[in-house]
Amino acid sequence: MTPSTGFKVFRVVGLLVFAAYFFVPLLAMFDFSTQRRGSAEGRTWDNWAFMMTDEDLRSSIVASLLLALFTVVLMVALLVPTMVWVRLRVPRARGLIEFLCLLPLTIPALVIVVGITNVYSWVTYLLGDSALVLTFAYVVLVLPYSYRAIDAALSAIDAATLSEAARSLGAGWFTVIARIIMPNITSGILGAAFIAVALVLGEYVFASLLHFDTLPVAMAALYKSNGPAAMAAALASMILVAVLLVGLTFLSRDRHKQGASS
């Protein structure tokens, strides 16, 4: 056996082991979610249909999806202009911005929730008790990961030259950021958005301790009374995140192809 053949065999075996490690638990979840309750035999899709027929679970799914959308929009609206402005105008403040964005990594989520509980009592008083007010807390939660993704994309381009060229042609700062810089860091923004969506859809501590009904909280409560339905909801959420990842990959690839062809 030649070294190249041995490497191919090792790679195939490694991929099979990884596939088994990844897919066997998912198949077990699917098997459990399609089992009939009690002593009845056979398979049923009632547990999957339960996600649409149960009003509480359906509202929690909608709330989590809207939270993911609003978190991504607010994160991009706050982080991208700030990072571009600091990089171009006040580079000395870059270390401070990085420290502030990475700070949530050093503070446990439980401590953050305890610290903002009193603040959220005023937020809910002013904006209502909808779960969507968690957007502000979730933006803080995703800052460290989103910052790294966008910072890597900004470091890959010459933002100073692009902005100077646009400014010399009469473009304002809004045009520079929205039409010059952002199209060139689309991969970083998409990566940050995907990480934010994955974190929001799986976040439990903030929503539970602040008493909001999101998908993870609803699944935890449902598991006590209907385990197969909760397992179906968990598997569906993982499938949704996987589909988003695949879509992000193809979207980023299409952007690169368009940039190369132009």
C-alpha atoms as a PDB file:
ATOM      1  CA  MET A   1       0.000   0.000   0.000  1.00  0.00           C
ATOM      2  CA  THR A   2       1.454   3.323  -1.092  1.00  0.00           C
ATOM      3  CA  PRO A   3       1.486   6.326   1.305  1.00  0.00           C
ATOM      4  CA  SER A   4      -1.123   8.140  -0.819  1.00  0.00           C
ATOM      5  CA  THR A   5      -3.448   5.113  -0.701  1.00  0.00           C
ATOM      6  CA  GLY A   6      -2.987   4.798   3.051  1.00  0.00           C
ATOM      7  CA  PHE A   7      -3.855   8.475   3.491  1.00  0.00           C
ATOM      8  CA  LYS A   8      -7.002   8.077   1.403  1.00  0.00           C
ATOM      9  CA  VAL A   9      -8.097   5.070   3.472  1.00  0.00           C
ATOM     10  CA  PHE A  10      -7.405   6.976   6.680  1.00  0.00           C
ATOM     11  CA  ARG A  11      -9.386   9.954   5.393  1.00  0.00           C
ATOM     12  CA  VAL A  12     -12.365   7.782   4.403  1.00  0.00           C
ATOM     13  CA  VAL A  13     -12.354   6.027   7.781  1.00  0.00           C
ATOM     14  CA  GLY A  14     -12.104   9.362   9.579  1.00  0.00           C
ATOM     15  CA  LEU A  15     -15.012  10.778   7.605  1.00  0.00           C
ATOM     16  CA  LEU A  16     -17.128   7.683   8.344  1.00  0.00           C
ATOM     17  CA  VAL A  17     -16.352   7.922  12.051  1.00  0.00           C
ATOM     18  CA  PHE A  18     -17.205  11.625  12.070  1.00  0.00           C
ATOM     19  CA  ALA A  19     -20.428  10.988  10.129  1.00  0.00           C
ATOM     20  CA  ALA A  20     -21.451   8.289  12.595  1.00  0.00           C
ATOM     21  CA  TYR A  21     -20.605  10.525  15.568  1.00  0.00           C
ATOM     22  CA  PHE A  22     -22.664  13.355  14.081  1.00  0.00           C
ATOM     23  CA  PHE A  23     -25.625  11.597  12.472  1.00  0.00           C
ATOM     24  CA  VAL A  24     -26.339   8.684  14.826  1.00  0.00           C
ATOM     25  CA  PRO A  25     -27.603  10.986  17.639  1.00  0.00           C
ATOM     26  CA  LEU A  26     -29.725  12.862  15.083  1.00  0.00           C
ATOM     27  CA  LEU A  27     -31.200   9.609  13.808  1.00  0.00           C
ATOM     28  CA  ALA A  28     -31.907   8.591  17.406  1.00  0.00           C
ATOM     29  CA  MET A  29     -33.695  11.902  17.969  1.00  0.00           C
ATOM     30  CA  PHE A  30     -35.759  11.367  14.828  1.00  0.00           C
ATOM     31  CA  ASP A  31     -36.581   7.815  15.879  1.00  0.00           C
ATOM     32  CA  PHE A  32     -37.707   8.984  19.316  1.00  0.00           C
ATOM     33  CA  SER A  33     -39.748  11.886  17.912  1.00  0.00           C
ATOM     34  CA  THR A  34     -41.720   9.628  15.549  1.00  0.00           C
ATOM     35  CA  GLN A  35     -42.592   6.940  18.105  1.00  0.00           C
ATOM     36  CA  ARG A  36     -46.173   6.562  19.211  1.00  0.00           C
ATOM     37  CA  ARG A  37     -46.834   7.299  22.845  1.00  0.00           C
ATOM     38  CA  GLY A  38     -47.879   4.476  25.130  1.00  0.00           C
ATOM     39  CA  SER A  39     -47.940   0.864  23.979  1.00  0.00           C
ATOM     40  CA  ALA A  40     -49.019   1.588  20.398  1.00  0.00           C
ATOM     41  CA  GLU A  41     -46.672   0.412  17.663  1.00  0.00           C
ATOM     42  CA  GLY A  42     -45.645   2.075  14.422  1.00  0.00           C
ATOM     43  CA  ARG A  43     -44.625   5.582  13.499  1.00  0.00           C
ATOM     44  CA  THR A  44     -46.473   8.856  13.672  1.00  0.00           C
ATOM     45  CA  TRP A  45     -45.864  12.437  12.570  1.00  0.00           C
ATOM     46  CA  ASP A  46     -48.135  13.844  15.249  1.00  0.00           C
ATOM     47  CA  ASN A  47     -45.179  15.093  17.287  1.00  0.00           C
ATOM     48  CA  TRP A  48     -43.891  17.081  14.312  1.00  0.00           C
ATOM     49  CA  ALA A  49     -47.353  18.424  13.546  1.00  0.00           C
ATOM     50  CA  PHE A  50     -47.620  19.426  17.206  1.00  0.00           C
ATOM     51  CA  MET A  51     -45.196  22.288  16.507  1.00  0.00           C
ATOM     52  CA  MET A  52     -47.791  23.886  14.248  1.00  0.00           C
ATOM     53  CA  THR A  53     -50.946  22.926  16.100  1.00  0.00           C
ATOM     54  CA  ASP A  54     -49.882  23.913  19.619  1.00  0.00           C
ATOM     55  CA  GLU A  55     -50.387  27.662  19.975  1.00  0.00           C
ATOM     56  CA  ASP A  56     -47.798  28.182  22.750  1.00  0.00           C
ATOM     57  CA  LEU A  57     -45.046  26.332  20.913  1.00  0.00           C
ATOM     58  CA  ARG A  58     -45.916  28.006  17.617  1.00  0.00           C
ATOM     59  CA  SER A  59     -45.792  31.473  19.194  1.00  0.00           C
ATOM     60  CA  SER A  60     -42.436  30.674  20.803  1.00  0.00           C
ATOM     61  CA  ILE A  61     -41.038  29.584  17.429  1.00  0.00           C
ATOM     62  CA  VAL A  62     -42.222  32.814  15.811  1.00  0.00           C
ATOM     63  CA  ALA A  63     -40.782  34.832  18.701  1.00  0.00           C
ATOM     64  CA  SER A  64     -37.378  33.140  18.402  1.00  0.00           C
ATOM     65  CA  LEU A  65     -37.256  33.651  14.630  1.00  0.00           C
ATOM     66  CA  LEU A  66     -38.159  37.329  14.997  1.00  0.00           C
ATOM     67  CA  LEU A  67     -35.590  37.672  17.772  1.00  0.00           C
ATOM     68  CA  ALA A  68     -32.930  36.202  15.493  1.00  0.00           C
ATOM     69  CA  LEU A  69     -33.889  38.624  12.701  1.00  0.00           C
ATOM     70  CA  PHE A  70     -33.974  41.709  14.921  1.00  0.00           C
ATOM     71  CA  THR A  71     -30.726  40.736  16.643  1.00  0.00           C
ATOM     72  CA  VAL A  72     -28.915  40.413  13.319  1.00  0.00           C
ATOM     73  CA  VAL A  73     -30.269  43.717  12.017  1.00  0.00           C
ATOM     74  CA  LEU A  74     -29.410  45.637  15.191  1.00  0.00           C
ATOM     75  CA  MET A  75     -25.999  43.973  15.478  1.00  0.00           C
ATOM     76  CA  VAL A  76     -25.059  44.908  11.904  1.00  0.00           C
ATOM     77  CA  ALA A  77     -26.461  48.440  12.272  1.00  0.00           C
ATOM     78  CA  LEU A  78     -24.404  49.049  15.425  1.00  0.00           C
ATOM     79  CA  LEU A  79     -21.243  47.070  14.828  1.00  0.00           C
ATOM     80  CA  VAL A  80     -20.375  47.619  11.169  1.00  0.00           C
ATOM     81  CA  PRO A  81     -20.492  51.469  11.108  1.00  0.00           C
ATOM     82  CA  THR A  82     -18.667  51.619  14.451  1.00  0.00           C
ATOM     83  CA  MET A  83     -15.880  49.293  13.354  1.00  0.00           C
ATOM     84  CA  VAL A  84     -15.459  51.035  10.002  1.00  0.00           C
ATOM     85  CA  TRP A  85     -15.432  54.484  11.613  1.00  0.00           C
ATOM     86  CA  VAL A  86     -12.889  53.428  14.243  1.00  0.00           C
ATOM     87  CA  ARG A  87     -10.650  51.764  11.671  1.00  0.00           C
ATOM     88  CA  LEU A  88     -10.675  54.803   9.379  1.00  0.00           C
ATOM     89  CA  ARG A  89     -10.908  57.791  11.723  1.00  0.00           C
ATOM     90  CA  VAL A  90      -9.764  56.815  15.223  1.00  0.00           C
ATOM     91  CA  PRO A  91      -7.560  53.715  14.928  1.00  0.00           C
ATOM     92  CA  ARG A  92      -6.223  54.278  18.447  1.00  0.00           C
ATOM     93  CA  ALA A  93      -9.651  53.368  19.822  1.00  0.00           C
ATOM     94  CA  ARG A  94      -9.616  49.990  18.093  1.00  0.00           C
ATOM     95  CA  GLY A  95      -8.236  48.248  21.183  1.00  0.00           C
ATOM     96  CA  LEU A  96     -10.949  49.772  23.374  1.00  0.00           C
ATOM     97  CA  ILE A  97     -13.724  48.707  20.986  1.00  0.00           C
ATOM     98  CA  GLU A  98     -12.285  45.200  20.799  1.00  0.00           C
ATOM     99  CA  PHE A  99     -12.122  45.004  24.597  1.00  0.00           C
ATOM    100  CA  LEU A 100     -15.727  46.134  24.979  1.00  0.00           C
ATOM    101  CA  CYS A 101     -16.985  43.714  22.315  1.00  0.00           C
ATOM    102  CA  LEU A 102     -15.107  40.743  23.783  1.00  0.00           C
ATOM    103  CA  LEU A 103     -16.007  41.565  27.386  1.00  0.00           C
ATOM    104  CA  PRO A 104     -19.226  39.449  27.402  1.00  0.00           C
ATOM    105  CA  LEU A 105     -17.052  36.356  26.900  1.00  0.00           C
ATOM    106  CA  THR A 106     -15.442  36.877  30.305  1.00  0.00           C
ATOM    107  CA  ILE A 107     -18.724  37.369  32.178  1.00  0.00           C
ATOM    108  CA  PRO A 108     -20.984  34.340  32.747  1.00  0.00           C
ATOM    109  CA  ALA A 109     -24.440  34.628  31.248  1.00  0.00           C
ATOM    110  CA  LEU A 110     -26.002  34.176  34.687  1.00  0.00           C
ATOM    111  CA  VAL A 111     -24.121  37.201  36.005  1.00  0.00           C
ATOM    112  CA  ILE A 112     -25.183  39.307  33.011  1.00  0.00           C
ATOM    113  CA  VAL A 113     -28.830  38.366  33.548  1.00  0.00           C
ATOM    114  CA  VAL A 114     -28.689  39.252  37.243  1.00  0.00           C
ATOM    115  CA  GLY A 115     -27.058  42.567  36.371  1.00  0.00           C
ATOM    116  CA  ILE A 116     -29.635  43.593  33.770  1.00  0.00           C
ATOM    117  CA  THR A 117     -32.748  42.376  35.562  1.00  0.00           C
ATOM    118  CA  ASN A 118     -33.536  45.808  37.005  1.00  0.00           C
ATOM    119  CA  VAL A 119     -32.817  47.429  33.646  1.00  0.00           C
ATOM    120  CA  TYR A 120     -35.231  45.068  31.925  1.00  0.00           C
ATOM    121  CA  SER A 121     -37.966  45.901  34.384  1.00  0.00           C
ATOM    122  CA  TRP A 122     -37.880  49.413  32.888  1.00  0.00           C
ATOM    123  CA  VAL A 123     -37.525  48.096  29.338  1.00  0.00           C
ATOM    124  CA  THR A 124     -40.635  45.935  29.687  1.00  0.00           C
ATOM    125  CA  TYR A 125     -42.469  48.830  31.343  1.00  0.00           C
ATOM    126  CA  LEU A 126     -41.703  51.131  28.393  1.00  0.00           C
ATOM    127  CA  LEU A 127     -41.829  48.667  25.483  1.00  0.00           C
ATOM    128  CA  GLY A 128     -44.137  45.957  26.776  1.00  0.00           C
ATOM    129  CA  ASP A 129     -43.515  42.413  27.964  1.00  0.00           C
ATOM    130  CA  SER A 130     -43.009  40.889  24.521  1.00  0.00           C
ATOM    131  CA  ALA A 131     -40.100  38.473  24.130  1.00  0.00           C
ATOM    132  CA  LEU A 132     -38.781  40.720  21.360  1.00  0.00           C
ATOM    133  CA  VAL A 133     -37.284  43.073  23.960  1.00  0.00           C
ATOM    134  CA  LEU A 134     -34.633  40.379  24.457  1.00  0.00           C
ATOM    135  CA  THR A 135     -33.095  41.736  21.255  1.00  0.00           C
ATOM    136  CA  PHE A 136     -31.034  44.241  23.247  1.00  0.00           C
ATOM    137  CA  ALA A 137     -29.592  41.556  25.532  1.00  0.00           C
ATOM    138  CA  TYR A 138     -28.947  39.184  22.642  1.00  0.00           C
ATOM    139  CA  VAL A 139     -26.990  41.821  20.748  1.00  0.00           C
ATOM    140  CA  VAL A 140     -24.626  42.006  23.734  1.00  0.00           C
ATOM    141  CA  LEU A 141     -24.448  38.215  23.812  1.00  0.00           C
ATOM    142  CA  VAL A 142     -23.417  37.874  20.146  1.00  0.00           C
ATOM    143  CA  LEU A 143     -20.985  40.821  20.103  1.00  0.00           C
ATOM    144  CA  PRO A 144     -17.764  38.815  20.704  1.00  0.00           C
ATOM    145  CA  TYR A 145     -18.411  36.342  17.898  1.00  0.00           C
ATOM    146  CA  SER A 146     -19.807  38.894  15.459  1.00  0.00           C
ATOM    147  CA  TYR A 147     -16.901  41.256  16.104  1.00  0.00           C
ATOM    148  CA  ARG A 148     -14.333  38.616  15.201  1.00  0.00           C
ATOM    149  CA  ALA A 149     -16.105  37.671  11.977  1.00  0.00           C
ATOM    150  CA  ILE A 150     -16.482  41.271  10.781  1.00  0.00           C
ATOM    151  CA  ASP A 151     -12.991  42.274  11.931  1.00  0.00           C
ATOM    152  CA  ALA A 152     -11.448  39.435   9.908  1.00  0.00           C
ATOM    153  CA  ALA A 153     -13.352  40.588   6.810  1.00  0.00           C
ATOM    154  CA  LEU A 154     -12.282  44.218   7.324  1.00  0.00           C
ATOM    155  CA  SER A 155      -8.660  43.171   7.752  1.00  0.00           C
ATOM    156  CA  ALA A 156      -8.791  41.402   4.377  1.00  0.00           C
ATOM    157  CA  ILE A 157      -9.539  44.623   2.439  1.00  0.00           C
ATOM    158  CA  ASP A 158      -7.850  48.005   2.164  1.00  0.00           C
ATOM    159  CA  ALA A 159     -10.673  49.993   3.724  1.00  0.00           C
ATOM    160  CA  ALA A 160      -8.631  53.209   3.924  1.00  0.00           C
ATOM    161  CA  THR A 161      -7.866  53.294   0.196  1.00  0.00           C
ATOM    162  CA  LEU A 162     -11.438  52.441  -0.768  1.00  0.00           C
ATOM    163  CA  SER A 163     -12.869  55.137   1.489  1.00  0.00           C
ATOM    164  CA  GLU A 164     -10.392  57.763   0.315  1.00  0.00           C
ATOM    165  CA  ALA A 165     -11.176  57.008  -3.317  1.00  0.00           C
ATOM    166  CA  ALA A 166     -14.908  57.271  -2.656  1.00  0.00           C
ATOM    167  CA  ARG A 167     -14.533  60.451  -0.619  1.00  0.00           C
ATOM    168  CA  SER A 168     -12.435  62.052  -3.373  1.00  0.00           C
ATOM    169  CA  LEU A 169     -15.355  61.445  -5.744  1.00  0.00           C
ATOM    170  CA  GLY A 170     -17.751  63.234  -3.412  1.00  0.00           C
ATOM    171  CA  ALA A 171     -19.280  60.299  -1.563  1.00  0.00           C
ATOM    172  CA  GLY A 172     -20.526  60.848   1.990  1.00  0.00           C
ATOM    173  CA  TRP A 173     -19.730  58.604   4.913  1.00  0.00           C
ATOM    174  CA  PHE A 174     -23.056  56.791   4.646  1.00  0.00           C
ATOM    175  CA  THR A 175     -22.335  55.990   0.999  1.00  0.00           C
ATOM    176  CA  VAL A 176     -18.798  54.879   1.852  1.00  0.00           C
ATOM    177  CA  ILE A 177     -20.013  52.452   4.500  1.00  0.00           C
ATOM    178  CA  ALA A 178     -23.188  51.198   2.799  1.00  0.00           C
ATOM    179  CA  ARG A 179     -22.067  51.029  -0.836  1.00  0.00           C
ATOM    180  CA  ILE A 180     -18.279  50.687  -0.694  1.00  0.00           C
ATOM    181  CA  ILE A 181     -17.209  48.902   2.489  1.00  0.00           C
ATOM    182  CA  MET A 182     -20.157  46.622   3.249  1.00  0.00           C
ATOM    183  CA  PRO A 183     -20.279  44.921  -0.199  1.00  0.00           C
ATOM    184  CA  ASN A 184     -16.612  44.017   0.276  1.00  0.00           C
ATOM    185  CA  ILE A 185     -17.115  42.457   3.701  1.00  0.00           C
ATOM    186  CA  THR A 186     -20.280  40.536   2.883  1.00  0.00           C
ATOM    187  CA  SER A 187     -18.718  37.219   3.859  1.00  0.00           C
ATOM    188  CA  GLY A 188     -17.859  38.553   7.317  1.00  0.00           C
ATOM    189  CA  ILE A 189     -21.327  40.026   7.811  1.00  0.00           C
ATOM    190  CA  LEU A 190     -22.974  36.775   6.711  1.00  0.00           C
ATOM    191  CA  GLY A 191     -20.735  34.812   9.051  1.00  0.00           C
ATOM    192  CA  ALA A 192     -21.592  37.127  11.939  1.00  0.00           C
ATOM    193  CA  ALA A 193     -25.286  36.862  11.066  1.00  0.00           C
ATOM    194  CA  PHE A 194     -25.207  33.063  11.033  1.00  0.00           C
ATOM    195  CA  ILE A 195     -23.439  32.920  14.406  1.00  0.00           C
ATOM    196  CA  ALA A 196     -25.994  35.348  15.829  1.00  0.00           C
ATOM    197  CA  VAL A 197     -28.918  33.279  14.534  1.00  0.00           C
ATOM    198  CA  ALA A 198     -27.460  30.054  15.930  1.00  0.00           C
ATOM    199  CA  LEU A 199     -26.877  31.629  19.352  1.00  0.00           C
ATOM    200  CA  VAL A 200     -30.314  33.236  19.537  1.00  0.00           C
ATOM    201  CA  LEU A 201     -32.162  30.062  18.551  1.00  0.00           C
ATOM    202  CA  GLY A 202     -30.315  28.076  21.209  1.00  0.00           C
ATOM    203  CA  GLU A 203     -30.136  30.618  24.056  1.00  0.00           C
ATOM    204  CA  TYR A 204     -31.926  29.530  27.235  1.00  0.00           C
ATOM    205  CA  VAL A 205     -30.467  31.319  30.274  1.00  0.00           C
ATOM    206  CA  PHE A 206     -31.433  34.887  29.367  1.00  0.00           C
ATOM    207  CA  ALA A 207     -34.981  34.036  28.301  1.00  0.00           C
ATOM    208  CA  SER A 208     -35.664  31.682  31.200  1.00  0.00           C
ATOM    209  CA  LEU A 209     -34.417  33.930  34.004  1.00  0.00           C
ATOM    210  CA  LEU A 210     -36.065  37.008  32.498  1.00  0.00           C
ATOM    211  CA  HIS A 211     -39.336  35.043  32.131  1.00  0.00           C
ATOM    212  CA  PHE A 212     -39.817  35.199  28.369  1.00  0.00           C
ATOM    213  CA  ASP A 213     -41.198  32.359  26.264  1.00  0.00           C
ATOM    214  CA  THR A 214     -38.754  31.556  23.472  1.00  0.00           C
ATOM    215  CA  LEU A 215     -38.203  28.281  21.643  1.00  0.00           C
ATOM    216  CA  PRO A 216     -35.582  26.819  24.060  1.00  0.00           C
ATOM    217  CA  VAL A 217     -37.744  27.725  27.075  1.00  0.00           C
ATOM    218  CA  ALA A 218     -40.842  26.209  25.452  1.00  0.00           C
ATOM    219  CA  MET A 219     -38.941  23.028  24.562  1.00  0.00           C
ATOM    220  CA  ALA A 220     -37.657  22.650  28.129  1.00  0.00           C
ATOM    221  CA  ALA A 221     -41.189  23.014  29.480  1.00  0.00           C
ATOM    222  CA  LEU A 222     -42.640  20.702  26.824  1.00  0.00           C
ATOM    223  CA  TYR A 223     -40.089  17.968  27.547  1.00  0.00           C
ATOM    224  CA  LYS A 224     -41.635  17.467  30.995  1.00  0.00           C
ATOM    225  CA  SER A 225     -44.994  16.493  29.518  1.00  0.00           C
ATOM    226  CA  ASN A 226     -44.298  15.397  25.935  1.00  0.00           C
ATOM    227  CA  GLY A 227     -40.744  14.271  25.337  1.00  0.00           C
ATOM    228  CA  PRO A 228     -41.141  13.163  21.681  1.00  0.00           C
ATOM    229  CA  ALA A 229     -42.690  16.504  20.682  1.00  0.00           C
ATOM    230  CA  ALA A 230     -39.880  18.390  22.426  1.00  0.00           C
ATOM    231  CA  MET A 231     -37.344  16.201  20.631  1.00  0.00           C
ATOM    232  CA  ALA A 232     -39.044  16.939  17.292  1.00  0.00           C
ATOM    233  CA  ALA A 233     -38.823  20.672  18.000  1.00  0.00           C
ATOM    234  CA  ALA A 234     -35.140  20.386  18.938  1.00  0.00           C
ATOM    235  CA  LEU A 235     -34.328  18.420  15.783  1.00  0.00           C
ATOM    236  CA  ALA A 236     -36.299  20.877  13.643  1.00  0.00           C
ATOM    237  CA  SER A 237     -34.336  23.803  15.086  1.00  0.00           C
ATOM    238  CA  MET A 238     -31.029  22.060  14.316  1.00  0.00           C
ATOM    239  CA  ILE A 239     -32.175  21.352  10.767  1.00  0.00           C
ATOM    240  CA  LEU A 240     -33.105  25.013  10.373  1.00  0.00           C
ATOM    241  CA  VAL A 241     -29.649  26.140  11.523  1.00  0.00           C
ATOM    242  CA  ALA A 242     -28.013  23.620   9.166  1.00  0.00           C
ATOM    243  CA  VAL A 243     -30.087  24.926   6.245  1.00  0.00           C
ATOM    244  CA  LEU A 244     -29.037  28.473   7.116  1.00  0.00           C
ATOM    245  CA  LEU A 245     -25.389  27.377   7.151  1.00  0.00           C
ATOM    246  CA  VAL A 246     -25.713  25.742   3.731  1.00  0.00           C
ATOM    247  CA  GLY A 247     -27.481  28.829   2.381  1.00  0.00           C
ATOM    248  CA  LEU A 248     -24.749  31.046   3.800  1.00  0.00           C
ATOM    249  CA  THR A 249     -22.088  28.906   2.136  1.00  0.00           C
ATOM    250  CA  PHE A 250     -23.716  29.105  -1.296  1.00  0.00           C
ATOM    251  CA  LEU A 251     -24.481  32.823  -0.917  1.00  0.00           C
ATOM    252  CA  SER A 252     -20.887  33.576   0.011  1.00  0.00           C
ATOM    253  CA  ARG A 253     -19.662  31.441  -2.894  1.00  0.00           C
ATOM    254  CA  ASP A 254     -21.927  33.285  -5.327  1.00  0.00           C
ATOM    255  CA  ARG A 255     -20.643  36.636  -4.036  1.00  0.00           C
ATOM    256  CA  HIS A 256     -17.055  35.519  -4.606  1.00  0.00           C
ATOM    257  CA  LYS A 257     -17.893  34.325  -8.136  1.00  0.00           C
ATOM    258  CA  GLN A 258     -19.572  37.625  -8.966  1.00  0.00           C
ATOM    259  CA  GLY A 259     -16.592  39.554  -7.617  1.00  0.00           C
ATOM    260  CA  ALA A 260     -14.153  37.452  -9.624  1.00  0.00           C
ATOM    261  CA  SER A 261     -16.155  37.785 -12.856  1.00  0.00           C
ATOM    262  CA  SER A 262     -16.481  41.569 -12.493  1.00  0.00           C
END
